[in-house]
Amino acid sequence: MRRGRVAICQPAGVRALADRIGRTKTSPARLTPASLETLAIISYRQPVTRAEIEQIRGVAVDGVMQTLLETRPGSNRVAGPR
């Protein structure tokens, strides 16, 4: 240490680990109003079919359902026939 300067020493590999940790942080997915409406229907009327959601909303939900299933893999389970 000379004239108010500080030298910071790190063990080998700490920089690579810090970079890898920094890359894994992602911002939470924002849901569109259509996605929120679809999730509300699903949570209120479980178990519910895609056809029932489309009947309640009055529009096709193919894109919304695909987005919801991709947003949180593993948190949604698609069941078979009712």
C-alpha atoms as a PDB file:
ATOM      1  CA  MET A   1       0.000   0.000   0.000  1.00  0.00           C
ATOM      2  CA  ARG A   2       1.469   3.282  -1.091  1.00  0.00           C
ATOM      3  CA  ARG A   3       0.039   6.760  -0.766  1.00  0.00           C
ATOM      4  CA  GLY A   4      -3.566   5.754   0.010  1.00  0.00           C
ATOM      5  CA  ARG A   5      -3.833   3.028  -2.619  1.00  0.00           C
ATOM      6  CA  VAL A   6      -5.128  -0.403  -1.785  1.00  0.00           C
ATOM      7  CA  ALA A   7      -4.262  -3.547  -3.689  1.00  0.00           C
ATOM      8  CA  ILE A   8      -7.025  -6.149  -3.725  1.00  0.00           C
ATOM      9  CA  CYS A   9      -5.923  -9.743  -4.156  1.00  0.00           C
ATOM     10  CA  GLN A  10      -8.309 -12.516  -5.148  1.00  0.00           C
ATOM     11  CA  PRO A  11      -7.725 -16.239  -5.298  1.00  0.00           C
ATOM     12  CA  ALA A  12      -7.516 -17.706  -8.796  1.00  0.00           C
ATOM     13  CA  GLY A  13     -10.935 -18.453 -10.291  1.00  0.00           C
ATOM     14  CA  VAL A  14     -12.893 -15.911  -8.256  1.00  0.00           C
ATOM     15  CA  ARG A  15     -13.255 -13.602 -11.255  1.00  0.00           C
ATOM     16  CA  ALA A  16     -14.637 -16.391 -13.444  1.00  0.00           C
ATOM     17  CA  LEU A  17     -17.071 -17.422 -10.706  1.00  0.00           C
ATOM     18  CA  ALA A  18     -18.248 -13.840 -10.211  1.00  0.00           C
ATOM     19  CA  ASP A  19     -18.803 -13.473 -13.961  1.00  0.00           C
ATOM     20  CA  ARG A  20     -20.782 -16.695 -14.092  1.00  0.00           C
ATOM     21  CA  ILE A  21     -22.943 -15.689 -11.125  1.00  0.00           C
ATOM     22  CA  GLY A  22     -23.565 -12.273 -12.675  1.00  0.00           C
ATOM     23  CA  ARG A  23     -24.809 -13.875 -15.874  1.00  0.00           C
ATOM     24  CA  THR A  24     -27.316 -16.111 -14.139  1.00  0.00           C
ATOM     25  CA  LYS A  25     -29.245 -13.223 -12.652  1.00  0.00           C
ATOM     26  CA  THR A  26     -32.252 -12.499 -14.804  1.00  0.00           C
ATOM     27  CA  SER A  27     -35.069 -10.077 -14.354  1.00  0.00           C
ATOM     28  CA  PRO A  28     -38.445 -11.593 -13.557  1.00  0.00           C
ATOM     29  CA  ALA A  29     -40.681 -12.162 -16.529  1.00  0.00           C
ATOM     30  CA  ARG A  30     -43.367  -9.554 -16.928  1.00  0.00           C
ATOM     31  CA  LEU A  31     -46.783 -10.889 -17.732  1.00  0.00           C
ATOM     32  CA  THR A  32     -49.113  -9.290 -20.220  1.00  0.00           C
ATOM     33  CA  PRO A  33     -52.714  -8.515 -19.290  1.00  0.00           C
ATOM     34  CA  ALA A  34     -53.817 -11.504 -21.406  1.00  0.00           C
ATOM     35  CA  SER A  35     -51.422 -13.775 -19.499  1.00  0.00           C
ATOM     36  CA  LEU A  36     -52.634 -12.477 -16.146  1.00  0.00           C
ATOM     37  CA  GLU A  37     -56.255 -12.960 -17.173  1.00  0.00           C
ATOM     38  CA  THR A  38     -55.533 -16.518 -18.309  1.00  0.00           C
ATOM     39  CA  LEU A  39     -53.698 -17.317 -15.068  1.00  0.00           C
ATOM     40  CA  ALA A  40     -56.608 -15.922 -13.068  1.00  0.00           C
ATOM     41  CA  ILE A  41     -59.020 -18.199 -14.910  1.00  0.00           C
ATOM     42  CA  ILE A  42     -56.740 -21.203 -14.394  1.00  0.00           C
ATOM     43  CA  SER A  43     -56.283 -20.523 -10.686  1.00  0.00           C
ATOM     44  CA  TYR A  44     -59.982 -19.906 -10.075  1.00  0.00           C
ATOM     45  CA  ARG A  45     -61.396 -22.830 -12.059  1.00  0.00           C
ATOM     46  CA  GLN A  46     -58.783 -25.624 -11.805  1.00  0.00           C
ATOM     47  CA  PRO A  47     -58.759 -28.094 -13.410  1.00  0.00           C
ATOM     48  CA  VAL A  48     -59.697 -26.301 -16.600  1.00  0.00           C
ATOM     49  CA  THR A  49     -59.265 -27.161 -20.270  1.00  0.00           C
ATOM     50  CA  ARG A  50     -57.950 -24.905 -22.992  1.00  0.00           C
ATOM     51  CA  ALA A  51     -61.404 -24.884 -24.598  1.00  0.00           C
ATOM     52  CA  GLU A  52     -62.978 -23.669 -21.355  1.00  0.00           C
ATOM     53  CA  ILE A  53     -60.420 -20.857 -21.063  1.00  0.00           C
ATOM     54  CA  GLU A  54     -61.126 -19.834 -24.657  1.00  0.00           C
ATOM     55  CA  GLN A  55     -64.863 -19.879 -23.994  1.00  0.00           C
ATOM     56  CA  ILE A  56     -64.508 -17.672 -20.913  1.00  0.00           C
ATOM     57  CA  ARG A  57     -62.099 -15.212 -22.535  1.00  0.00           C
ATOM     58  CA  GLY A  58     -63.762 -15.265 -25.957  1.00  0.00           C
ATOM     59  CA  VAL A  59     -60.456 -15.451 -27.834  1.00  0.00           C
ATOM     60  CA  ALA A  60     -57.896 -18.130 -28.725  1.00  0.00           C
ATOM     61  CA  VAL A  61     -55.313 -18.725 -25.998  1.00  0.00           C
ATOM     62  CA  ASP A  62     -52.723 -20.695 -27.978  1.00  0.00           C
ATOM     63  CA  GLY A  63     -50.041 -18.006 -27.836  1.00  0.00           C
ATOM     64  CA  VAL A  64     -50.733 -17.088 -24.222  1.00  0.00           C
ATOM     65  CA  MET A  65     -50.586 -20.714 -23.095  1.00  0.00           C
ATOM     66  CA  GLN A  66     -47.341 -21.295 -24.974  1.00  0.00           C
ATOM     67  CA  THR A  67     -45.808 -18.207 -23.367  1.00  0.00           C
ATOM     68  CA  LEU A  68     -46.927 -19.247 -19.889  1.00  0.00           C
ATOM     69  CA  LEU A  69     -45.523 -22.748 -20.321  1.00  0.00           C
ATOM     70  CA  GLU A  70     -42.166 -21.348 -21.513  1.00  0.00           C
ATOM     71  CA  THR A  71     -41.956 -18.668 -18.814  1.00  0.00           C
ATOM     72  CA  ARG A  72     -41.599 -21.034 -15.880  1.00  0.00           C
ATOM     73  CA  PRO A  73     -40.615 -24.499 -17.043  1.00  0.00           C
ATOM     74  CA  GLY A  74     -41.404 -27.162 -14.491  1.00  0.00           C
ATOM     75  CA  SER A  75     -43.932 -25.076 -12.577  1.00  0.00           C
ATOM     76  CA  ASN A  76     -46.781 -25.972 -14.923  1.00  0.00           C
ATOM     77  CA  ARG A  77     -48.023 -29.466 -15.548  1.00  0.00           C
ATOM     78  CA  VAL A  78     -50.148 -30.262 -18.544  1.00  0.00           C
ATOM     79  CA  ALA A  79     -52.604 -32.971 -17.584  1.00  0.00           C
ATOM     80  CA  GLY A  80     -54.338 -35.420 -19.844  1.00  0.00           C
ATOM     81  CA  PRO A  81     -58.050 -35.574 -20.565  1.00  0.00           C
ATOM     82  CA  ARG A  82     -60.247 -34.339 -17.790  1.00  0.00           C
END
